[in-house]
Amino acid sequence: MSNVHVLPPLPFADNALDPVISANTLSFHYGKHHKAYVDNLNKLVAGTELADLSLEQVIAATVGRADKAGIFNNAAQIWNHTFYWNSLTPKGGGEPPAALKQKIEASFGTVEACKQELATAATTQFGSGWAWLALDGDKLKVVKTANANVPLTEGMKTLLVIDVWEHAYYLDYQNRRADYVSAVLDRLINWGFAENNLG
């Protein structure tokens, strides 16, 4: 059985995030980068004991194993990107839904403080990586990870993420990562998705 892993469809039209994220950026980021991770993973696991595992199972089986780094990186990047697309929504931003807002205020004091912490994590992540809002035990926290790493390998439940790999913003913002991050938080962040992930 080959090509177990498929590129999931985007949850919005490719021009739906304009002008914050252009259709041009999405065509490269989703159509080339995300798709390449799927194609690579299918090649890497074909005929191995990992071939029939789910994405989460592949990530769990390969995390921290130097001999499986290529498999982990591609699997985690598929998962991270799918999660990122769902963390965005046209007409996003604004006020989080009540249950999430309550949880944010209990953990950060205010929604603004939570957004500030996410922005700081996203802009200070050196090189490529991700800024996550995660549930650790019963407290929300902001976590940044480098490269393909993902908080679920540390037992946290992820609620939303901002991609800060250069290909996520460079065509639209060049080196202005902070402008991209702030536009995403103000206009695209999908608080509803985050609340659904609270469970």
N, C-alpha and C. Protein backbone atom coordinates (compact mmCIF):
# COMPACT_ATOMS: atom_id res chain seq x y z
N MET A 1 0.87 -1.19 0.00
CA MET A 1 0.00 0.00 0.00
C MET A 1 0.90 1.23 0.00
N SER A 2 0.77 2.07 -1.04
CA SER A 2 1.65 3.24 -1.09
C SER A 2 0.83 4.52 -0.98
N ASN A 3 1.53 5.60 -0.78
CA ASN A 3 0.88 6.90 -0.65
C ASN A 3 -0.24 6.90 0.38
N VAL A 4 0.10 6.44 1.56
CA VAL A 4 -0.84 6.41 2.69
C VAL A 4 -1.19 7.83 3.08
N HIS A 5 -0.18 8.71 3.02
CA HIS A 5 -0.38 10.08 3.48
C HIS A 5 -0.77 10.96 2.30
N VAL A 6 -1.82 11.75 2.49
CA VAL A 6 -2.29 12.61 1.41
C VAL A 6 -2.25 14.07 1.87
N LEU A 7 -2.14 14.96 0.90
CA LEU A 7 -2.15 16.39 1.20
C LEU A 7 -3.59 16.78 1.48
N PRO A 8 -3.90 17.20 2.73
CA PRO A 8 -5.28 17.55 3.02
C PRO A 8 -5.67 18.85 2.31
N PRO A 9 -6.93 18.99 1.91
CA PRO A 9 -7.32 20.23 1.25
C PRO A 9 -7.22 21.42 2.20
N LEU A 10 -6.95 22.60 1.66
CA LEU A 10 -6.96 23.81 2.48
C LEU A 10 -8.37 24.07 2.99
N PRO A 11 -8.50 24.60 4.22
CA PRO A 11 -9.85 24.87 4.73
C PRO A 11 -10.46 26.17 4.21
N PHE A 12 -9.84 26.77 3.19
CA PHE A 12 -10.34 28.03 2.61
C PHE A 12 -9.83 28.12 1.17
N ALA A 13 -10.39 29.04 0.39
CA ALA A 13 -9.93 29.25 -0.99
C ALA A 13 -8.52 29.83 -0.96
N ASP A 14 -7.75 29.62 -2.04
CA ASP A 14 -6.35 30.04 -1.97
C ASP A 14 -6.16 31.55 -1.96
N ASN A 15 -7.22 32.32 -2.27
CA ASN A 15 -7.10 33.77 -2.16
C ASN A 15 -7.85 34.34 -0.96
N ALA A 16 -8.33 33.45 -0.09
CA ALA A 16 -9.20 33.87 1.02
C ALA A 16 -8.47 34.64 2.11
N LEU A 17 -7.15 34.50 2.17
CA LEU A 17 -6.39 35.17 3.24
C LEU A 17 -5.76 36.48 2.76
N ASP A 18 -6.00 36.83 1.49
CA ASP A 18 -5.55 38.12 0.97
C ASP A 18 -6.16 39.24 1.81
N PRO A 19 -5.49 40.33 2.10
CA PRO A 19 -4.14 40.66 1.69
C PRO A 19 -3.07 40.23 2.70
N VAL A 20 -3.47 39.59 3.80
CA VAL A 20 -2.48 39.25 4.84
C VAL A 20 -1.51 38.19 4.31
N ILE A 21 -2.07 37.14 3.72
CA ILE A 21 -1.25 36.10 3.08
C ILE A 21 -1.79 35.94 1.66
N SER A 22 -0.95 36.16 0.68
CA SER A 22 -1.40 36.17 -0.71
C SER A 22 -1.60 34.76 -1.27
N ALA A 23 -2.40 34.69 -2.34
CA ALA A 23 -2.59 33.43 -3.06
C ALA A 23 -1.24 32.94 -3.60
N ASN A 24 -0.38 33.88 -3.96
CA ASN A 24 0.96 33.53 -4.46
C ASN A 24 1.75 32.78 -3.38
N THR A 25 1.75 33.31 -2.16
CA THR A 25 2.43 32.62 -1.05
C THR A 25 1.82 31.24 -0.82
N LEU A 26 0.48 31.16 -0.81
CA LEU A 26 -0.16 29.86 -0.58
C LEU A 26 0.18 28.87 -1.68
N SER A 27 0.31 29.34 -2.92
CA SER A 27 0.60 28.39 -4.00
C SER A 27 1.96 27.74 -3.80
N PHE A 28 2.91 28.49 -3.26
CA PHE A 28 4.23 27.91 -2.96
C PHE A 28 4.20 27.14 -1.65
N HIS A 29 3.64 27.77 -0.62
CA HIS A 29 3.74 27.21 0.73
C HIS A 29 2.94 25.90 0.84
N TYR A 30 1.70 25.95 0.38
CA TYR A 30 0.85 24.76 0.42
C TYR A 30 1.13 23.86 -0.79
N GLY A 31 1.10 24.45 -1.98
CA GLY A 31 1.18 23.67 -3.21
C GLY A 31 2.54 23.03 -3.46
N LYS A 32 3.61 23.65 -2.93
CA LYS A 32 4.96 23.10 -3.15
C LYS A 32 5.56 22.53 -1.85
N HIS A 33 5.71 23.36 -0.82
CA HIS A 33 6.36 22.91 0.41
C HIS A 33 5.57 21.80 1.12
N HIS A 34 4.30 22.07 1.43
CA HIS A 34 3.49 21.09 2.16
C HIS A 34 3.37 19.80 1.34
N LYS A 35 3.12 19.95 0.04
CA LYS A 35 2.99 18.78 -0.83
C LYS A 35 4.29 17.97 -0.87
N ALA A 36 5.44 18.66 -0.88
CA ALA A 36 6.73 17.95 -0.93
C ALA A 36 6.94 17.10 0.32
N TYR A 37 6.51 17.60 1.49
CA TYR A 37 6.64 16.81 2.72
C TYR A 37 5.82 15.52 2.61
N VAL A 38 4.62 15.63 2.04
CA VAL A 38 3.76 14.45 1.87
C VAL A 38 4.41 13.45 0.91
N ASP A 39 4.87 13.96 -0.23
CA ASP A 39 5.51 13.07 -1.23
C ASP A 39 6.76 12.40 -0.65
N ASN A 40 7.58 13.19 0.05
CA ASN A 40 8.81 12.64 0.64
C ASN A 40 8.50 11.58 1.69
N LEU A 41 7.52 11.87 2.55
CA LEU A 41 7.20 10.90 3.61
C LEU A 41 6.74 9.57 2.99
N ASN A 42 5.87 9.66 1.99
CA ASN A 42 5.39 8.43 1.35
C ASN A 42 6.55 7.61 0.79
N LYS A 43 7.54 8.29 0.19
CA LYS A 43 8.72 7.59 -0.34
C LYS A 43 9.54 6.96 0.79
N LEU A 44 9.73 7.74 1.87
CA LEU A 44 10.59 7.28 2.97
C LEU A 44 10.01 6.10 3.75
N VAL A 45 8.68 6.03 3.87
CA VAL A 45 8.10 4.94 4.68
C VAL A 45 7.67 3.73 3.84
N ALA A 46 7.66 3.88 2.52
CA ALA A 46 7.21 2.78 1.66
C ALA A 46 8.01 1.51 1.97
N GLY A 47 7.30 0.42 2.22
CA GLY A 47 7.96 -0.87 2.46
C GLY A 47 8.62 -1.00 3.83
N THR A 48 8.39 -0.04 4.73
CA THR A 48 8.97 -0.14 6.08
C THR A 48 7.87 -0.45 7.09
N GLU A 49 8.28 -0.66 8.34
CA GLU A 49 7.30 -0.96 9.40
C GLU A 49 6.44 0.27 9.72
N LEU A 50 6.83 1.43 9.18
CA LEU A 50 6.06 2.66 9.43
C LEU A 50 5.01 2.92 8.35
N ALA A 51 5.02 2.08 7.32
CA ALA A 51 4.20 2.36 6.13
C ALA A 51 2.71 2.51 6.40
N ASP A 52 2.18 1.74 7.34
CA ASP A 52 0.72 1.78 7.54
C ASP A 52 0.30 2.59 8.77
N LEU A 53 1.25 3.30 9.37
CA LEU A 53 0.92 4.06 10.58
C LEU A 53 0.32 5.42 10.22
N SER A 54 -0.48 5.95 11.16
CA SER A 54 -1.01 7.30 10.99
C SER A 54 0.13 8.31 11.16
N LEU A 55 -0.11 9.52 10.76
CA LEU A 55 0.89 10.57 10.88
C LEU A 55 1.36 10.72 12.34
N GLU A 56 0.41 10.77 13.27
CA GLU A 56 0.76 10.91 14.69
C GLU A 56 1.60 9.73 15.17
N GLN A 57 1.28 8.53 14.70
CA GLN A 57 2.05 7.34 15.10
C GLN A 57 3.47 7.39 14.53
N VAL A 58 3.60 7.86 13.30
CA VAL A 58 4.93 7.99 12.69
C VAL A 58 5.76 9.00 13.49
N ILE A 59 5.15 10.13 13.85
CA ILE A 59 5.85 11.16 14.64
C ILE A 59 6.32 10.57 15.97
N ALA A 60 5.41 9.88 16.66
CA ALA A 60 5.74 9.30 17.97
C ALA A 60 6.84 8.24 17.85
N ALA A 61 6.82 7.48 16.76
CA ALA A 61 7.79 6.39 16.59
C ALA A 61 9.18 6.89 16.19
N THR A 62 9.28 8.11 15.68
CA THR A 62 10.56 8.57 15.13
C THR A 62 11.16 9.76 15.87
N VAL A 63 10.42 10.37 16.78
CA VAL A 63 10.94 11.56 17.47
C VAL A 63 12.22 11.22 18.24
N GLY A 64 13.22 12.06 18.09
CA GLY A 64 14.47 11.89 18.83
C GLY A 64 15.37 10.78 18.33
N ARG A 65 15.00 10.14 17.22
CA ARG A 65 15.83 9.05 16.68
C ARG A 65 16.63 9.56 15.49
N ALA A 66 17.93 9.68 15.68
CA ALA A 66 18.80 10.25 14.63
C ALA A 66 18.67 9.48 13.32
N ASP A 67 18.53 8.15 13.42
CA ASP A 67 18.45 7.34 12.20
C ASP A 67 17.11 7.52 11.46
N LYS A 68 16.14 8.17 12.12
CA LYS A 68 14.82 8.37 11.50
C LYS A 68 14.49 9.85 11.36
N ALA A 69 15.53 10.70 11.42
CA ALA A 69 15.30 12.16 11.40
C ALA A 69 14.56 12.62 10.15
N GLY A 70 14.91 12.06 9.00
CA GLY A 70 14.24 12.45 7.75
C GLY A 70 12.76 12.14 7.79
N ILE A 71 12.44 10.97 8.30
CA ILE A 71 11.03 10.57 8.40
C ILE A 71 10.30 11.47 9.39
N PHE A 72 10.90 11.68 10.56
CA PHE A 72 10.28 12.56 11.57
C PHE A 72 10.04 13.95 11.00
N ASN A 73 11.07 14.53 10.37
CA ASN A 73 10.95 15.90 9.87
C ASN A 73 9.82 16.05 8.86
N ASN A 74 9.73 15.11 7.94
CA ASN A 74 8.65 15.19 6.93
C ASN A 74 7.28 14.95 7.55
N ALA A 75 7.18 13.96 8.43
CA ALA A 75 5.88 13.67 9.07
C ALA A 75 5.43 14.84 9.94
N ALA A 76 6.34 15.36 10.76
CA ALA A 76 5.99 16.47 11.65
C ALA A 76 5.64 17.71 10.85
N GLN A 77 6.33 17.94 9.74
CA GLN A 77 6.03 19.12 8.93
C GLN A 77 4.67 19.01 8.23
N ILE A 78 4.26 17.81 7.86
CA ILE A 78 2.90 17.63 7.32
C ILE A 78 1.90 18.00 8.40
N TRP A 79 2.10 17.44 9.59
CA TRP A 79 1.18 17.68 10.72
C TRP A 79 1.15 19.17 11.08
N ASN A 80 2.33 19.77 11.20
CA ASN A 80 2.42 21.18 11.59
C ASN A 80 1.72 22.08 10.58
N HIS A 81 1.94 21.82 9.29
CA HIS A 81 1.34 22.67 8.27
C HIS A 81 -0.18 22.51 8.24
N THR A 82 -0.67 21.30 8.34
CA THR A 82 -2.13 21.09 8.36
C THR A 82 -2.72 21.84 9.55
N PHE A 83 -2.04 21.78 10.68
CA PHE A 83 -2.49 22.47 11.89
C PHE A 83 -2.46 23.99 11.70
N TYR A 84 -1.42 24.45 11.02
CA TYR A 84 -1.28 25.90 10.75
C TYR A 84 -2.41 26.40 9.87
N TRP A 85 -2.73 25.68 8.77
CA TRP A 85 -3.83 26.14 7.90
C TRP A 85 -5.12 26.25 8.70
N ASN A 86 -5.35 25.31 9.60
CA ASN A 86 -6.57 25.35 10.40
C ASN A 86 -6.54 26.41 11.49
N SER A 87 -5.33 26.88 11.81
CA SER A 87 -5.18 27.96 12.80
C SER A 87 -5.49 29.33 12.20
N LEU A 88 -5.70 29.36 10.88
CA LEU A 88 -6.00 30.60 10.17
C LEU A 88 -7.42 30.54 9.62
N THR A 89 -8.05 31.69 9.55
CA THR A 89 -9.37 31.76 8.93
C THR A 89 -9.59 33.17 8.40
N PRO A 90 -10.24 33.28 7.22
CA PRO A 90 -10.56 34.63 6.75
C PRO A 90 -11.42 35.31 7.81
N LYS A 91 -11.26 36.59 8.00
CA LYS A 91 -11.99 37.34 9.04
C LYS A 91 -11.73 36.75 10.44
N GLY A 92 -10.50 36.28 10.67
CA GLY A 92 -10.14 35.77 12.00
C GLY A 92 -9.78 36.92 12.94
N GLY A 93 -9.04 36.58 13.98
CA GLY A 93 -8.68 37.59 14.98
C GLY A 93 -9.87 37.91 15.86
N GLY A 94 -9.90 39.13 16.37
CA GLY A 94 -11.02 39.54 17.22
C GLY A 94 -11.01 38.85 18.57
N GLU A 95 -12.21 38.71 19.12
CA GLU A 95 -12.36 38.15 20.47
C GLU A 95 -12.46 36.62 20.40
N PRO A 96 -11.73 35.91 21.25
CA PRO A 96 -11.92 34.45 21.31
C PRO A 96 -13.30 34.10 21.87
N PRO A 97 -13.83 32.93 21.54
CA PRO A 97 -15.10 32.47 22.14
C PRO A 97 -14.96 32.38 23.66
N ALA A 98 -16.11 32.43 24.34
CA ALA A 98 -16.14 32.60 25.80
C ALA A 98 -15.28 31.60 26.59
N ALA A 99 -15.42 30.30 26.29
CA ALA A 99 -14.70 29.29 27.09
C ALA A 99 -13.19 29.44 26.93
N LEU A 100 -12.76 29.73 25.71
CA LEU A 100 -11.34 29.91 25.45
C LEU A 100 -10.85 31.21 26.10
N LYS A 101 -11.65 32.26 25.98
CA LYS A 101 -11.28 33.56 26.54
C LYS A 101 -11.05 33.44 28.06
N GLN A 102 -11.95 32.70 28.70
CA GLN A 102 -11.84 32.48 30.15
C GLN A 102 -10.52 31.78 30.49
N LYS A 103 -10.19 30.76 29.69
CA LYS A 103 -8.97 30.00 29.89
C LYS A 103 -7.72 30.88 29.64
N ILE A 104 -7.80 31.71 28.59
CA ILE A 104 -6.69 32.62 28.27
C ILE A 104 -6.49 33.61 29.41
N GLU A 105 -7.60 34.17 29.92
CA GLU A 105 -7.49 35.16 31.00
C GLU A 105 -6.96 34.53 32.28
N ALA A 106 -7.33 33.28 32.52
CA ALA A 106 -6.82 32.59 33.72
C ALA A 106 -5.32 32.34 33.60
N SER A 107 -4.82 32.11 32.37
CA SER A 107 -3.41 31.78 32.17
C SER A 107 -2.52 33.00 31.90
N PHE A 108 -3.06 34.01 31.22
CA PHE A 108 -2.23 35.15 30.79
C PHE A 108 -2.67 36.49 31.38
N GLY A 109 -3.85 36.53 32.00
CA GLY A 109 -4.38 37.79 32.50
C GLY A 109 -5.36 38.41 31.52
N THR A 110 -4.90 38.64 30.27
CA THR A 110 -5.78 39.20 29.23
C THR A 110 -5.51 38.53 27.90
N VAL A 111 -6.45 38.68 26.96
CA VAL A 111 -6.27 38.17 25.61
C VAL A 111 -5.09 38.89 24.96
N GLU A 112 -4.99 40.20 25.22
CA GLU A 112 -3.91 41.02 24.65
C GLU A 112 -2.55 40.48 25.10
N ALA A 113 -2.45 40.10 26.39
CA ALA A 113 -1.18 39.57 26.92
C ALA A 113 -0.83 38.24 26.26
N CYS A 114 -1.85 37.43 25.98
CA CYS A 114 -1.64 36.14 25.30
C CYS A 114 -1.13 36.39 23.88
N LYS A 115 -1.78 37.34 23.17
CA LYS A 115 -1.35 37.67 21.81
C LYS A 115 0.08 38.22 21.80
N GLN A 116 0.38 39.04 22.81
CA GLN A 116 1.72 39.62 22.91
C GLN A 116 2.77 38.51 23.09
N GLU A 117 2.42 37.54 23.94
CA GLU A 117 3.36 36.43 24.19
C GLU A 117 3.55 35.58 22.93
N LEU A 118 2.47 35.35 22.19
CA LEU A 118 2.56 34.62 20.92
C LEU A 118 3.42 35.39 19.92
N ALA A 119 3.21 36.71 19.85
CA ALA A 119 3.98 37.54 18.92
C ALA A 119 5.46 37.52 19.29
N THR A 120 5.75 37.59 20.57
CA THR A 120 7.15 37.57 21.02
C THR A 120 7.80 36.23 20.68
N ALA A 121 7.09 35.14 20.96
CA ALA A 121 7.63 33.80 20.64
C ALA A 121 7.88 33.68 19.14
N ALA A 122 6.94 34.17 18.34
CA ALA A 122 7.04 34.04 16.88
C ALA A 122 8.18 34.89 16.33
N THR A 123 8.38 36.08 16.89
CA THR A 123 9.41 36.97 16.33
C THR A 123 10.80 36.64 16.88
N THR A 124 10.87 36.00 18.04
CA THR A 124 12.19 35.70 18.62
C THR A 124 12.66 34.28 18.34
N GLN A 125 11.83 33.46 17.68
CA GLN A 125 12.28 32.12 17.29
C GLN A 125 13.41 32.30 16.28
N PHE A 126 14.61 31.91 16.65
CA PHE A 126 15.75 32.10 15.75
C PHE A 126 15.68 31.10 14.61
N GLY A 127 15.77 31.59 13.38
CA GLY A 127 15.70 30.68 12.24
C GLY A 127 14.28 30.16 12.04
N SER A 128 14.17 28.96 11.51
CA SER A 128 12.87 28.40 11.17
C SER A 128 12.19 27.80 12.38
N GLY A 129 10.87 27.86 12.39
CA GLY A 129 10.15 27.23 13.50
C GLY A 129 8.71 27.67 13.60
N TRP A 130 8.18 27.52 14.81
CA TRP A 130 6.74 27.63 15.05
C TRP A 130 6.50 28.26 16.41
N ALA A 131 5.41 29.04 16.54
CA ALA A 131 4.97 29.56 17.84
C ALA A 131 3.58 29.00 18.11
N TRP A 132 3.45 28.28 19.22
CA TRP A 132 2.23 27.53 19.55
C TRP A 132 1.52 28.09 20.77
N LEU A 133 0.20 28.00 20.76
CA LEU A 133 -0.58 28.12 21.98
C LEU A 133 -0.94 26.69 22.35
N ALA A 134 -0.53 26.28 23.55
CA ALA A 134 -0.70 24.87 23.93
C ALA A 134 -1.29 24.76 25.33
N LEU A 135 -1.92 23.64 25.57
CA LEU A 135 -2.45 23.34 26.90
C LEU A 135 -1.50 22.36 27.55
N ASP A 136 -0.92 22.79 28.66
CA ASP A 136 0.04 21.95 29.39
C ASP A 136 -0.59 21.67 30.75
N GLY A 137 -1.10 20.45 30.94
CA GLY A 137 -1.90 20.18 32.15
C GLY A 137 -3.19 20.96 32.01
N ASP A 138 -3.46 21.87 32.97
CA ASP A 138 -4.70 22.65 32.84
C ASP A 138 -4.40 24.13 32.56
N LYS A 139 -3.13 24.42 32.22
CA LYS A 139 -2.75 25.82 31.99
C LYS A 139 -2.35 26.02 30.53
N LEU A 140 -2.77 27.15 29.98
CA LEU A 140 -2.35 27.50 28.63
C LEU A 140 -0.95 28.10 28.68
N LYS A 141 -0.13 27.77 27.69
CA LYS A 141 1.16 28.43 27.61
C LYS A 141 1.56 28.61 26.16
N VAL A 142 2.48 29.54 25.93
CA VAL A 142 3.02 29.76 24.60
C VAL A 142 4.35 29.04 24.53
N VAL A 143 4.54 28.27 23.47
CA VAL A 143 5.75 27.46 23.30
C VAL A 143 6.29 27.72 21.90
N LYS A 144 7.61 27.85 21.77
CA LYS A 144 8.16 27.92 20.41
C LYS A 144 9.00 26.68 20.16
N THR A 145 8.95 26.20 18.93
CA THR A 145 9.74 25.02 18.57
C THR A 145 10.53 25.35 17.31
N ALA A 146 11.69 24.73 17.19
CA ALA A 146 12.54 24.94 16.02
C ALA A 146 12.23 23.89 14.95
N ASN A 147 12.46 24.27 13.72
CA ASN A 147 12.38 23.35 12.58
C ASN A 147 11.05 22.60 12.54
N ALA A 148 11.08 21.26 12.66
CA ALA A 148 9.84 20.49 12.54
C ALA A 148 9.25 20.13 13.91
N ASN A 149 9.90 20.51 15.00
CA ASN A 149 9.47 20.02 16.30
C ASN A 149 8.06 20.48 16.67
N VAL A 150 7.39 19.65 17.45
CA VAL A 150 5.98 19.86 17.76
C VAL A 150 5.71 19.54 19.23
N PRO A 151 4.95 20.40 19.95
CA PRO A 151 4.74 20.18 21.39
C PRO A 151 4.02 18.88 21.73
N LEU A 152 3.31 18.27 20.76
CA LEU A 152 2.59 17.03 21.13
C LEU A 152 3.54 15.92 21.50
N THR A 153 4.81 16.01 21.09
CA THR A 153 5.78 14.98 21.49
C THR A 153 6.20 15.16 22.94
N GLU A 154 5.80 16.29 23.55
CA GLU A 154 6.10 16.52 24.97
C GLU A 154 4.84 16.44 25.82
N GLY A 155 3.81 15.82 25.29
CA GLY A 155 2.59 15.59 26.06
C GLY A 155 1.68 16.80 26.19
N MET A 156 1.92 17.84 25.40
CA MET A 156 1.04 19.01 25.44
C MET A 156 -0.03 18.88 24.36
N LYS A 157 -1.15 19.55 24.60
CA LYS A 157 -2.22 19.59 23.60
C LYS A 157 -2.11 20.92 22.87
N THR A 158 -1.92 20.88 21.54
CA THR A 158 -1.77 22.12 20.80
C THR A 158 -3.12 22.70 20.43
N LEU A 159 -3.23 24.04 20.55
CA LEU A 159 -4.50 24.72 20.24
C LEU A 159 -4.42 25.50 18.94
N LEU A 160 -3.31 26.19 18.71
CA LEU A 160 -3.10 26.86 17.44
C LEU A 160 -1.62 27.13 17.24
N VAL A 161 -1.24 27.52 16.02
CA VAL A 161 0.18 27.73 15.72
C VAL A 161 0.37 28.82 14.68
N ILE A 162 1.50 29.50 14.77
CA ILE A 162 1.92 30.44 13.72
C ILE A 162 3.23 29.92 13.14
N ASP A 163 3.26 29.79 11.83
CA ASP A 163 4.45 29.30 11.12
C ASP A 163 5.40 30.47 10.92
N VAL A 164 6.65 30.33 11.40
CA VAL A 164 7.62 31.40 11.16
C VAL A 164 8.83 30.93 10.31
N TRP A 165 8.63 29.86 9.54
CA TRP A 165 9.61 29.55 8.51
C TRP A 165 9.55 30.69 7.49
N GLU A 166 10.67 31.06 6.91
CA GLU A 166 10.67 32.20 5.98
C GLU A 166 9.69 32.03 4.82
N HIS A 167 9.53 30.79 4.34
CA HIS A 167 8.63 30.62 3.19
C HIS A 167 7.17 30.93 3.54
N ALA A 168 6.84 31.04 4.83
CA ALA A 168 5.48 31.38 5.23
C ALA A 168 5.14 32.84 4.95
N TYR A 169 6.15 33.69 4.91
CA TYR A 169 5.87 35.12 4.79
C TYR A 169 6.76 35.90 3.83
N TYR A 170 7.83 35.30 3.33
CA TYR A 170 8.85 36.10 2.63
C TYR A 170 8.35 36.77 1.35
N LEU A 171 7.50 36.09 0.59
CA LEU A 171 7.01 36.70 -0.66
C LEU A 171 6.16 37.93 -0.38
N ASP A 172 5.45 37.93 0.76
CA ASP A 172 4.57 39.05 1.09
C ASP A 172 5.25 40.11 1.96
N TYR A 173 6.16 39.69 2.84
CA TYR A 173 6.70 40.61 3.85
C TYR A 173 8.22 40.74 3.81
N GLN A 174 8.89 40.00 2.93
CA GLN A 174 10.36 39.95 2.93
C GLN A 174 10.86 39.67 4.36
N ASN A 175 11.72 40.53 4.90
CA ASN A 175 12.29 40.22 6.22
C ASN A 175 11.47 40.78 7.38
N ARG A 176 10.26 41.28 7.10
CA ARG A 176 9.44 41.90 8.16
C ARG A 176 8.58 40.84 8.86
N ARG A 177 9.23 39.92 9.55
CA ARG A 177 8.49 38.84 10.21
C ARG A 177 7.48 39.39 11.21
N ALA A 178 7.86 40.43 11.94
CA ALA A 178 6.96 40.99 12.98
C ALA A 178 5.66 41.52 12.37
N ASP A 179 5.74 42.09 11.16
CA ASP A 179 4.52 42.60 10.50
C ASP A 179 3.58 41.45 10.12
N TYR A 180 4.18 40.39 9.61
CA TYR A 180 3.40 39.18 9.26
C TYR A 180 2.72 38.62 10.51
N VAL A 181 3.48 38.47 11.58
CA VAL A 181 2.95 37.87 12.83
C VAL A 181 1.80 38.72 13.36
N SER A 182 2.01 40.03 13.38
CA SER A 182 0.97 40.88 13.94
C SER A 182 -0.28 40.89 13.07
N ALA A 183 -0.12 40.83 11.73
CA ALA A 183 -1.28 40.77 10.84
C ALA A 183 -2.05 39.45 11.03
N VAL A 184 -1.31 38.35 11.18
CA VAL A 184 -1.96 37.05 11.41
C VAL A 184 -2.75 37.07 12.71
N LEU A 185 -2.15 37.59 13.78
CA LEU A 185 -2.83 37.61 15.08
C LEU A 185 -4.06 38.53 15.07
N ASP A 186 -3.96 39.64 14.35
CA ASP A 186 -5.06 40.59 14.35
C ASP A 186 -6.18 40.21 13.39
N ARG A 187 -5.82 39.54 12.28
CA ARG A 187 -6.82 39.39 11.21
C ARG A 187 -7.12 37.97 10.76
N LEU A 188 -6.27 37.01 11.10
CA LEU A 188 -6.49 35.65 10.59
C LEU A 188 -6.56 34.57 11.67
N ILE A 189 -6.09 34.84 12.87
CA ILE A 189 -5.97 33.74 13.84
C ILE A 189 -7.36 33.16 14.14
N ASN A 190 -7.43 31.84 14.16
CA ASN A 190 -8.71 31.13 14.26
C ASN A 190 -8.96 30.68 15.71
N TRP A 191 -9.52 31.60 16.49
CA TRP A 191 -9.79 31.28 17.91
C TRP A 191 -10.79 30.14 18.06
N GLY A 192 -11.71 30.00 17.10
CA GLY A 192 -12.70 28.92 17.16
C GLY A 192 -12.04 27.55 17.08
N PHE A 193 -11.04 27.43 16.19
CA PHE A 193 -10.27 26.18 16.07
C PHE A 193 -9.56 25.89 17.37
N ALA A 194 -8.96 26.93 17.98
CA ALA A 194 -8.27 26.75 19.26
C ALA A 194 -9.23 26.27 20.33
N GLU A 195 -10.43 26.85 20.36
CA GLU A 195 -11.39 26.43 21.38
C GLU A 195 -11.81 24.97 21.16
N ASN A 196 -12.03 24.58 19.89
CA ASN A 196 -12.38 23.18 19.60
C ASN A 196 -11.29 22.24 20.10
N ASN A 197 -10.04 22.66 20.00
CA ASN A 197 -8.92 21.81 20.42
C ASN A 197 -8.80 21.70 21.93
N LEU A 198 -9.43 22.62 22.64
CA LEU A 198 -9.43 22.53 24.12
C LEU A 198 -10.11 21.23 24.54
N GLY A 199 -11.10 20.79 23.73
CA GLY A 199 -11.78 19.52 24.00
C GLY A 199 -12.86 19.68 25.05
